[in-house]
């Protein structure tokens, strides 16, 4: 299966450069993906929301966590955050994304381990 998701420029570049290996996502009203349906081997086409550049990646693994702190502790901030921040900064960053704060409480968060193609 091939899915399409948008990314900000910083996260897009970090994935493209290989420094960001895990994309954290939460169910929301604007992504057209039900993250619980993702499977190892599926493809994601990321689109940079600023430049419209596209990049295809393969899902190596997908893990579900009850909250951002649990995900960052298990996966490591250097693998998940494009900002290079610590766990506290990572939680604050995710909570700033539209709908994420309330939806994490309801749905948890998915750590999508990816590999650039």
Protein backbone atom coordinates (compact mmCIF):
# COMPACT_ATOMS: atom_id res chain seq x y z
CA UNK A 1 0.00 0.00 0.00
CA UNK A 2 1.19 3.55 -0.68
CA UNK A 3 0.17 6.43 1.57
CA UNK A 4 0.66 10.20 1.17
CA UNK A 5 1.54 12.53 4.05
CA UNK A 6 2.73 16.12 4.31
CA UNK A 7 5.78 17.28 6.27
CA UNK A 8 7.23 20.63 7.20
CA UNK A 9 10.57 21.49 5.58
CA UNK A 10 12.70 20.74 8.65
CA UNK A 11 11.31 17.22 9.12
CA UNK A 12 11.41 16.55 5.36
CA UNK A 13 15.10 17.48 5.17
CA UNK A 14 15.96 15.46 8.28
CA UNK A 15 14.38 12.35 6.77
CA UNK A 16 16.02 13.03 3.41
CA UNK A 17 19.43 13.43 5.11
CA UNK A 18 18.92 10.25 7.14
CA UNK A 19 19.07 11.91 10.56
CA UNK A 20 15.36 11.41 11.30
CA UNK A 21 14.56 7.71 11.15
CA UNK A 22 11.14 7.70 12.82
CA UNK A 23 8.07 9.78 12.01
CA UNK A 24 5.65 10.24 14.91
CA UNK A 25 1.99 10.55 13.91
CA UNK A 26 -1.35 10.86 15.68
CA UNK A 27 -4.84 10.27 14.29
CA UNK A 28 -6.35 13.59 13.23
CA UNK A 29 -8.95 15.08 10.90
CA UNK A 30 -6.55 16.29 8.19
CA UNK A 31 -4.36 13.23 7.42
CA UNK A 32 -6.24 10.82 5.18
CA UNK A 33 -4.49 7.83 6.80
CA UNK A 34 -5.68 5.51 9.54
CA UNK A 35 -2.30 4.91 11.16
CA UNK A 36 -3.36 1.64 12.78
CA UNK A 37 -3.62 0.17 9.26
CA UNK A 38 0.03 0.84 8.34
CA UNK A 39 2.17 -2.25 7.93
CA UNK A 40 5.83 -3.10 7.52
CA UNK A 41 6.70 -2.87 3.83
CA UNK A 42 4.08 -0.22 3.01
CA UNK A 43 5.28 2.93 1.27
CA UNK A 44 4.74 6.57 2.22
CA UNK A 45 5.18 9.48 -0.15
CA UNK A 46 6.04 12.55 1.91
CA UNK A 47 5.43 15.98 0.43
CA UNK A 48 7.27 19.04 1.68
CA UNK A 49 4.47 21.53 2.41
CA UNK A 50 6.69 24.49 1.46
CA UNK A 51 8.50 23.30 -1.67
CA UNK A 52 6.08 20.55 -2.82
CA UNK A 53 9.11 18.25 -3.24
CA UNK A 54 8.22 14.58 -2.79
CA UNK A 55 10.14 11.68 -1.29
CA UNK A 56 9.18 8.02 -1.09
CA UNK A 57 10.05 5.92 1.96
CA UNK A 58 9.41 2.35 3.04
CA UNK A 59 8.00 1.44 6.47
CA UNK A 60 10.44 -0.82 8.32
CA UNK A 61 8.40 -1.04 11.54
CA UNK A 62 5.47 0.64 13.22
CA UNK A 63 4.99 0.85 16.97
CA UNK A 64 2.20 2.35 19.04
CA UNK A 65 2.71 4.26 22.29
CA UNK A 66 0.26 5.72 24.81
CA UNK A 67 1.99 9.13 24.76
CA UNK A 68 4.87 11.16 23.34
CA UNK A 69 7.09 10.69 26.40
CA UNK A 70 6.90 6.88 26.12
CA UNK A 71 7.68 7.05 22.40
CA UNK A 72 10.67 9.38 22.82
CA UNK A 73 12.08 7.33 25.71
CA UNK A 74 11.82 4.09 23.72
CA UNK A 75 12.82 5.39 20.27
CA UNK A 76 15.32 8.09 21.24
CA UNK A 77 14.94 11.79 20.58
CA UNK A 78 17.73 11.77 17.98
CA UNK A 79 15.74 9.28 15.85
CA UNK A 80 12.36 11.03 16.14
CA UNK A 81 12.88 14.78 16.52
CA UNK A 82 14.09 16.91 13.64
CA UNK A 83 14.81 19.72 16.12
CA UNK A 84 17.45 17.82 18.07
CA UNK A 85 15.63 18.64 21.29
CA UNK A 86 15.21 16.69 24.51
CA UNK A 87 12.12 14.77 25.69
CA UNK A 88 10.47 17.82 27.30
CA UNK A 89 10.98 19.90 24.15
CA UNK A 90 9.70 17.00 22.03
CA UNK A 91 6.49 16.73 24.05
CA UNK A 92 5.97 20.51 23.73
CA UNK A 93 6.60 20.32 19.99
CA UNK A 94 4.04 17.54 19.42
CA UNK A 95 1.49 19.32 21.62
CA UNK A 96 1.72 22.39 19.35
CA UNK A 97 0.53 20.44 16.29
CA UNK A 98 -3.15 20.97 15.56
CA UNK A 99 -5.32 18.35 17.31
CA UNK A 100 -2.35 16.31 18.56
CA UNK A 101 -2.56 17.15 22.28
CA UNK A 102 -6.16 16.00 22.69
CA UNK A 103 -5.88 13.13 20.18
CA UNK A 104 -2.80 11.63 21.84
CA UNK A 105 -4.90 11.13 24.97
CA UNK A 106 -7.55 9.39 22.88
CA UNK A 107 -5.50 7.43 20.31
CA UNK A 108 -1.88 7.39 21.48
CA UNK A 109 0.95 8.03 19.01
CA UNK A 110 2.51 5.92 16.26
CA UNK A 111 6.24 5.67 15.72
CA UNK A 112 6.73 4.92 12.02
CA UNK A 113 10.26 3.67 11.40
CA UNK A 114 11.15 4.51 7.81
CA UNK A 115 13.86 4.00 5.24
CA UNK A 116 14.41 6.40 2.34
CA UNK A 117 14.34 4.86 -1.12
